[in-house]
N, C-alpha and C. Protein backbone atom coordinates (compact mmCIF):
# COMPACT_ATOMS: atom_id res chain seq x y z
N MET A 1 101.90 102.83 91.83
CA MET A 1 101.60 101.39 91.84
C MET A 1 100.76 101.23 90.64
N ASP A 2 100.85 100.32 89.67
CA ASP A 2 100.20 100.04 88.68
C ASP A 2 99.77 98.26 88.86
N VAL A 3 98.56 98.04 88.79
CA VAL A 3 97.83 96.64 88.67
C VAL A 3 97.37 96.27 87.53
N THR A 4 97.51 95.41 86.79
CA THR A 4 96.93 94.88 85.67
C THR A 4 96.31 93.50 85.58
N GLU A 5 95.10 93.26 85.11
CA GLU A 5 94.85 91.87 85.08
C GLU A 5 95.34 91.27 83.83
N THR A 6 95.87 90.13 84.20
CA THR A 6 96.33 89.32 82.96
C THR A 6 95.52 88.03 82.78
N GLU A 7 95.85 87.11 81.72
CA GLU A 7 94.97 86.00 81.48
C GLU A 7 94.93 84.99 82.69
N ASN A 8 95.79 84.84 83.79
CA ASN A 8 96.13 84.10 84.64
C ASN A 8 96.09 84.78 85.86
N GLY A 9 95.98 85.75 85.96
CA GLY A 9 96.37 86.64 87.28
C GLY A 9 96.24 88.23 87.11
N TYR A 10 97.45 88.57 87.71
CA TYR A 10 97.76 89.97 87.80
C TYR A 10 99.07 90.36 87.82
N LEU A 11 99.15 91.65 87.13
CA LEU A 11 100.70 92.07 87.06
C LEU A 11 100.90 93.43 87.97
N VAL A 12 102.01 93.26 89.01
CA VAL A 12 101.95 94.65 89.71
C VAL A 12 103.47 95.18 89.39
N HIS A 13 103.54 96.52 89.15
CA HIS A 13 104.54 97.35 89.31
C HIS A 13 104.68 98.32 90.36
N ALA A 14 105.58 98.34 91.01
CA ALA A 14 105.67 99.28 92.01
C ALA A 14 107.01 100.08 92.16
N GLU A 15 107.00 101.61 91.75
CA GLU A 15 108.29 102.10 91.76
C GLU A 15 108.93 102.38 93.43
N MET A 16 110.09 101.78 93.32
CA MET A 16 110.32 101.94 94.63
C MET A 16 112.05 102.38 94.73
N PRO A 17 112.08 103.64 94.41
CA PRO A 17 113.69 104.42 93.93
C PRO A 17 114.36 104.18 95.47
N GLY A 18 115.55 104.07 95.49
CA GLY A 18 116.33 104.27 96.49
C GLY A 18 116.25 103.02 97.54
N VAL A 19 115.53 102.05 97.20
CA VAL A 19 115.07 100.74 98.25
C VAL A 19 116.10 99.81 97.88
N LYS A 20 116.50 99.00 98.59
CA LYS A 20 117.48 97.76 98.34
C LYS A 20 116.57 96.72 98.49
N LYS A 21 116.96 95.74 97.53
CA LYS A 21 116.03 94.43 97.74
C LYS A 21 115.89 93.83 98.74
N GLU A 22 116.92 93.76 99.69
CA GLU A 22 116.87 93.09 101.12
C GLU A 22 115.85 93.76 102.17
N ASN A 23 115.48 95.14 101.89
CA ASN A 23 114.67 95.73 102.61
C ASN A 23 113.13 95.67 102.06
N ILE A 24 112.96 95.07 101.25
CA ILE A 24 111.59 94.80 100.71
C ILE A 24 110.80 93.65 101.17
N ASP A 25 109.49 93.66 101.49
CA ASP A 25 108.93 92.53 102.02
C ASP A 25 107.55 92.24 101.26
N VAL A 26 107.07 91.35 100.87
CA VAL A 26 105.83 91.14 100.33
C VAL A 26 105.04 89.95 100.85
N ALA A 27 104.03 90.09 101.23
CA ALA A 27 103.30 89.05 101.86
C ALA A 27 101.92 88.95 101.20
N ILE A 28 101.39 87.70 100.95
CA ILE A 28 100.14 87.51 100.36
C ILE A 28 99.45 86.55 101.05
N GLU A 29 98.13 86.84 101.34
CA GLU A 29 97.26 86.14 102.10
C GLU A 29 95.77 86.03 101.49
N GLY A 30 95.60 85.02 101.02
CA GLY A 30 94.32 85.03 100.27
C GLY A 30 94.10 85.73 99.15
N ASN A 31 93.12 86.76 99.21
CA ASN A 31 93.15 87.82 98.35
C ASN A 31 94.06 89.32 98.56
N GLN A 32 94.65 89.30 99.67
CA GLN A 32 95.21 90.37 100.19
C GLN A 32 96.85 90.46 100.09
N VAL A 33 97.34 91.71 99.29
CA VAL A 33 98.76 91.55 99.19
C VAL A 33 99.21 92.64 99.83
N THR A 34 100.25 92.71 100.49
CA THR A 34 100.70 93.71 101.52
C THR A 34 102.29 93.79 101.18
N ILE A 35 102.63 95.12 100.74
CA ILE A 35 103.85 95.44 100.55
C ILE A 35 104.82 96.38 101.55
N THR A 36 105.67 95.90 102.21
CA THR A 36 106.37 96.97 103.11
C THR A 36 107.87 97.01 102.67
N ALA A 37 108.51 97.98 102.86
CA ALA A 37 109.66 98.26 102.80
C ALA A 37 110.49 99.60 103.62
N GLU A 38 111.65 99.61 103.40
CA GLU A 38 112.25 100.65 104.56
C GLU A 38 113.21 101.43 103.40
N VAL A 39 113.22 102.56 103.65
CA VAL A 39 114.07 103.58 102.67
C VAL A 39 115.04 104.11 103.63
N LYS A 40 116.48 103.68 103.70
CA LYS A 40 117.41 104.18 104.48
C LYS A 40 118.19 105.39 103.83
N GLN A 41 118.74 106.04 104.73
CA GLN A 41 119.65 107.19 104.47
C GLN A 41 120.75 106.52 104.27
N GLU A 42 121.59 106.33 103.23
CA GLU A 42 122.80 105.72 102.90
C GLU A 42 124.21 106.63 103.08
N TRP A 43 124.20 107.76 103.36
CA TRP A 43 125.05 108.48 103.48
C TRP A 43 125.27 109.30 104.99
N GLU A 44 126.51 109.56 105.27
CA GLU A 44 126.80 110.30 106.40
C GLU A 44 126.91 111.62 106.29
N LYS A 45 126.24 112.29 107.35
CA LYS A 45 126.33 113.94 107.17
C LYS A 45 127.70 114.23 107.99
N LYS A 46 128.45 114.84 107.21
CA LYS A 46 129.71 115.49 107.71
C LYS A 46 129.62 116.61 108.76
N GLU A 47 130.60 116.67 109.66
CA GLU A 47 130.49 117.67 110.60
C GLU A 47 130.85 119.14 110.05
N GLY A 48 129.88 120.21 110.13
CA GLY A 48 129.90 121.53 109.59
C GLY A 48 128.98 121.37 108.20
N ASP A 49 128.46 120.16 107.69
CA ASP A 49 127.69 120.21 106.53
C ASP A 49 126.07 120.68 107.22
N ARG A 50 125.43 121.49 106.19
CA ARG A 50 124.25 121.94 106.37
C ARG A 50 123.15 121.67 105.20
N MET A 51 122.14 120.81 105.83
CA MET A 51 121.53 120.45 104.45
C MET A 51 120.40 121.83 104.23
N LEU A 52 120.79 122.09 102.58
CA LEU A 52 119.73 123.31 102.21
C LEU A 52 118.42 122.55 101.78
N ARG A 53 118.28 121.44 101.32
CA ARG A 53 117.25 121.00 100.57
C ARG A 53 117.07 119.41 100.76
N ASN A 54 115.78 119.01 101.23
CA ASN A 54 115.87 117.76 101.24
C ASN A 54 114.59 117.29 100.63
N GLU A 55 114.50 116.61 99.56
CA GLU A 55 113.19 116.19 98.99
C GLU A 55 113.00 114.79 98.90
N ARG A 56 114.00 113.83 99.02
CA ARG A 56 113.72 112.62 99.36
C ARG A 56 113.13 112.03 100.54
N TYR A 57 112.26 111.14 100.25
CA TYR A 57 111.69 110.48 101.53
C TYR A 57 112.73 109.24 102.28
N PHE A 58 112.65 109.29 103.35
CA PHE A 58 113.37 108.28 104.00
C PHE A 58 112.48 107.70 105.23
N GLY A 59 112.13 106.55 105.33
CA GLY A 59 111.28 105.71 106.28
C GLY A 59 110.79 104.44 105.70
N ASN A 60 109.77 104.21 106.19
CA ASN A 60 108.99 102.93 106.02
C ASN A 60 107.87 103.41 104.97
N ILE A 61 107.77 102.33 104.00
CA ILE A 61 106.73 102.26 103.00
C ILE A 61 105.74 101.22 103.37
N TYR A 62 104.35 101.67 103.19
CA TYR A 62 103.46 100.25 103.62
C TYR A 62 102.33 100.46 102.39
N ARG A 63 102.07 99.46 101.85
CA ARG A 63 100.86 99.64 100.65
C ARG A 63 100.17 98.16 100.80
N SER A 64 98.92 98.42 100.94
CA SER A 64 98.28 96.73 101.07
C SER A 64 96.72 97.02 99.99
N PHE A 65 96.64 95.97 99.44
CA PHE A 65 95.56 96.25 98.49
C PHE A 65 94.68 94.83 98.33
N THR A 66 93.51 94.53 98.18
CA THR A 66 92.90 93.63 98.22
C THR A 66 92.08 93.33 96.49
N LEU A 67 92.43 91.93 96.06
CA LEU A 67 92.21 91.47 94.79
C LEU A 67 90.81 90.88 94.90
N PRO A 68 90.18 90.58 93.55
CA PRO A 68 88.90 89.99 93.82
C PRO A 68 88.88 88.67 93.93
N VAL A 69 90.25 87.89 93.56
CA VAL A 69 89.84 86.57 93.79
C VAL A 69 91.11 86.21 94.76
N GLU A 70 91.18 84.92 95.20
CA GLU A 70 92.43 84.18 95.82
C GLU A 70 93.43 84.28 95.02
N LEU A 71 94.67 84.26 95.66
CA LEU A 71 95.88 83.71 94.71
C LEU A 71 96.72 82.54 95.36
N ASP A 72 97.39 82.10 94.52
CA ASP A 72 97.77 80.94 94.48
C ASP A 72 99.29 81.52 95.11
N GLU A 73 99.80 81.55 96.21
CA GLU A 73 100.98 82.00 96.94
C GLU A 73 102.16 81.09 96.41
N SER A 74 102.08 80.04 95.93
CA SER A 74 103.40 79.05 95.57
C SER A 74 103.68 79.36 94.30
N ALA A 75 102.67 80.03 93.32
CA ALA A 75 102.98 80.23 91.97
C ALA A 75 103.39 81.90 91.80
N CYS A 76 103.09 82.65 92.79
CA CYS A 76 103.54 83.91 92.68
C CYS A 76 105.07 84.41 92.82
N GLU A 77 105.32 85.38 91.78
CA GLU A 77 106.93 85.62 91.84
C GLU A 77 107.23 87.25 91.96
N ALA A 78 108.25 87.54 92.53
CA ALA A 78 108.53 89.02 92.91
C ALA A 78 109.94 89.29 92.36
N THR A 79 109.98 90.25 91.63
CA THR A 79 111.63 90.59 91.18
C THR A 79 111.57 92.06 91.04
N TYR A 80 112.87 92.41 91.37
CA TYR A 80 113.01 93.84 91.67
C TYR A 80 114.24 94.45 90.92
N ASP A 81 114.11 95.34 90.07
CA ASP A 81 115.41 95.90 88.99
C ASP A 81 115.09 97.32 88.90
N ASN A 82 116.15 98.08 88.96
CA ASN A 82 116.16 99.43 88.63
C ASN A 82 115.26 100.30 89.44
N GLY A 83 114.83 99.65 90.72
CA GLY A 83 113.96 100.45 91.33
C GLY A 83 112.48 100.13 91.20
N ILE A 84 112.19 99.18 90.39
CA ILE A 84 110.95 98.76 90.24
C ILE A 84 110.46 97.18 90.67
N LEU A 85 109.50 97.29 91.36
CA LEU A 85 109.09 96.15 92.22
C LEU A 85 108.11 95.26 91.13
N GLU A 86 108.15 94.18 90.67
CA GLU A 86 107.23 93.67 89.56
C GLU A 86 106.78 92.48 90.48
N LEU A 87 105.57 92.15 90.53
CA LEU A 87 104.84 91.05 91.08
C LEU A 87 103.98 90.47 90.00
N LYS A 88 104.33 88.97 89.81
CA LYS A 88 103.46 88.30 88.82
C LYS A 88 102.50 87.43 90.17
N LEU A 89 101.30 87.90 89.82
CA LEU A 89 100.32 87.24 90.87
C LEU A 89 99.41 86.34 90.14
N VAL A 90 99.43 84.97 90.52
CA VAL A 90 98.58 83.97 90.03
C VAL A 90 97.44 83.66 90.88
N ARG A 91 96.21 83.57 89.85
CA ARG A 91 95.23 83.29 90.58
C ARG A 91 94.90 81.83 90.87
N LYS A 92 94.35 81.52 92.21
CA LYS A 92 94.17 80.30 92.66
C LYS A 92 93.37 79.56 91.68
N ALA A 93 93.39 78.42 91.47
CA ALA A 93 92.71 77.70 90.48
C ALA A 93 91.01 77.25 91.25
N ALA A 94 90.15 77.51 90.32
CA ALA A 94 88.73 77.46 91.10
C ALA A 94 88.53 75.92 91.45
N ALA A 95 88.11 75.57 92.90
CA ALA A 95 87.91 74.37 93.12
C ALA A 95 86.35 73.83 92.26
N PRO A 96 86.39 72.59 91.92
CA PRO A 96 85.41 72.19 91.22
C PRO A 96 84.18 72.05 92.22
N GLY A 97 82.92 72.39 91.46
CA GLY A 97 81.71 72.48 92.25
C GLY A 97 81.41 71.03 93.01
N LYS A 98 80.49 71.07 93.88
CA LYS A 98 80.10 69.68 94.87
C LYS A 98 78.51 69.72 94.53
N ARG A 99 78.10 68.50 94.15
CA ARG A 99 77.00 68.09 94.23
C ARG A 99 76.38 67.80 95.61
N LEU A 100 75.02 68.20 96.23
CA LEU A 100 74.74 67.82 97.49
C LEU A 100 73.76 66.70 96.99
N ALA A 101 73.93 65.58 98.14
CA ALA A 101 72.52 64.65 98.04
C ALA A 101 71.62 65.24 98.89
N ILE A 102 70.45 65.08 98.24
CA ILE A 102 69.33 65.37 98.89
C ILE A 102 68.55 64.61 99.79
N ARG A 103 68.28 64.73 101.05
CA ARG A 103 67.77 63.68 102.01
C ARG A 103 66.28 63.77 102.11
């Protein structure tokens, strides 16, 4: 997974080969980003077949990371193409400062 800081936020690229788009979930809460997915075995083992070598992973994927600033969840976008999940994460606009009255 690669995380790049951009002018208005962050760009994330995560390789997820063999995962279907509907099996990916991205959650954003404040400055915390969580990616979960499930890699399913898509073929049936025929009777009499014997697996000689299996190097592919099947199961659940979980990745969570914290960014230095809060994100604007409504402006963030996620796309998935050719096994690459791309997240465009937009920083939340800074709230204007508040002057305190001195009593």
